[in-house]
Amino acid sequence: MKFQTLDKSNLIKIREKIHTLKNKIVAKLTLTPEQKAALAKRLKELVTIKKDHVSPKGDSIEEVNARSHIGDVLYQSDMVLTTEQADELVAEEEGRPKRQAFRDRRYPQTLWSSGVAYFFHPNATPEVKSVFKKGAAWWSKDTCIDFFESAQAKDRIRVFKEDGCWSYVGRLGNQQDLSLGDGCESVGTAAHEIGHALGMFHTHSRHDRDSFITLNTHNIKPDWLDQFKKETTATNENYGITYDYGSIMHYGAQSATMNRKPTMVPHDTNYIETLGSPFISFYELLMMNKHYGCLDRCKSTPNRCKMGGFPHPRDCSKCICPRGYGGQFCDQKPDKCGSILQASATYQTLEDLVGDRNAGQSPREDYHTCTYWIVAPEGKKVEVKFVNFSRGIAVDGCVYGGVEIKTHPDPRMTGYR
């Protein structure tokens, strides 16, 4: 069955329009002597893991789209820009800012204020349907955004299996497309592309990214340098929410690498394996709730949530909690496997088996999570030492399994992986 999809000729024109600004964009990526010195120091501190090649189709959105060549005509590998959005990008780079990454001049028309209607094209496989529905549920269950299946709704998303993983940004009006092609059949990838459809750009293009990561341009594919364009304070609205290395909208540390070495180095190098996360972070949920005005539903409800949680817009008597916390008010361990452990003056041994050891290299639709709280006596600190663990599959973001340690003073932040 043939059907009309992307107008690649128009996308090539848009890509060429942005490409004309390459020299300006690349010039802005040049590091100062101080930044170069800081990067050199971090690279010496960096503990790198040799990454595995798992899927011949690619182990990340960027790789999948590069191998299918669809990434050559998209913005930052997986976003389809309209002509208007491309013009605004050019205007911004030329010093005539018009756009905000979340709130452009069409806002709030870009919101799916009546819910997100979607339908599946006949070529959508059972795997595509499953991961899309689960990715939509990830966003829906902790926001006020509803998803419903309808091919007749005026504004709707057509989900299909085209070349690569990609989406338009925000609600355009009428029908728009979202592709989950070969190599894109994971819930994390689906949730990432749905994030774009809801209006999110990439975290690593935030205006304040240089305070959190440094681009190692020597490792970036030359044709990809201008794709690391950064937003400005005039064009990027983050609702006062800090940068989170565990954002599902953040590409992995080796994104667009030409030598299997990091292209993005976090200032706290312990976060190197966290980049490229397959999970929606707490701060992303908070940002999406603010963007869609969901928090207004609980304005009259006192916030009794602990650990930085906030009232759930679907039930203000409950809380949306940071990862690792649960209960009605985020003051309990989540009701899943794991336990509360008491630290002592001598090492204790914890041995655990999580997930399905036979899952292997198959894409993850669901994750099995165990949470352990390690509590130390007042005035003492907890020390954790990894003695031995089974060899897992090493790709950016630990998407096939891993351990996360939360040590940040802000309990809302994603931990080290």
Foldseek 3Di string as FASTA:
>chain_A
DDDDADPLVVLQVLLVLLVVCVVLQLVVQDDDPVRVVLVVVLVVVFDDDQADDQDPCDDALQSNQVVLVVLVSAFLRAEHEDPVRSVQVVCVSVPNHQAALFAGPCPPVLAPLVAAEEEEDPQADPLQVLLLVLLVCQLVVQAVHHYDYDPPDFFHEYEHADRGFHFYAGTPTGYTYTHQHPPNRANLSSNLRVNRHRRHAALLQEQPNVVWKRFPVVFADPVCSSSSHHDHPSHYDQPPFDRFQQASRFAAQCRRGPPSDGRIATSPNLQNQNHNASHHALSNSVSSNVSNVLLVQCPVPDQQAPLPWAARSVGRQATDEGPQADDRRRPHGDPAAEEEAEDDPDDDDDDDDADDPPCASDHDHDGHDHHYHYDYPPPDDDDDDDDDDDDDRDDRNCRVDDDFDDDDPRSRHGGRD
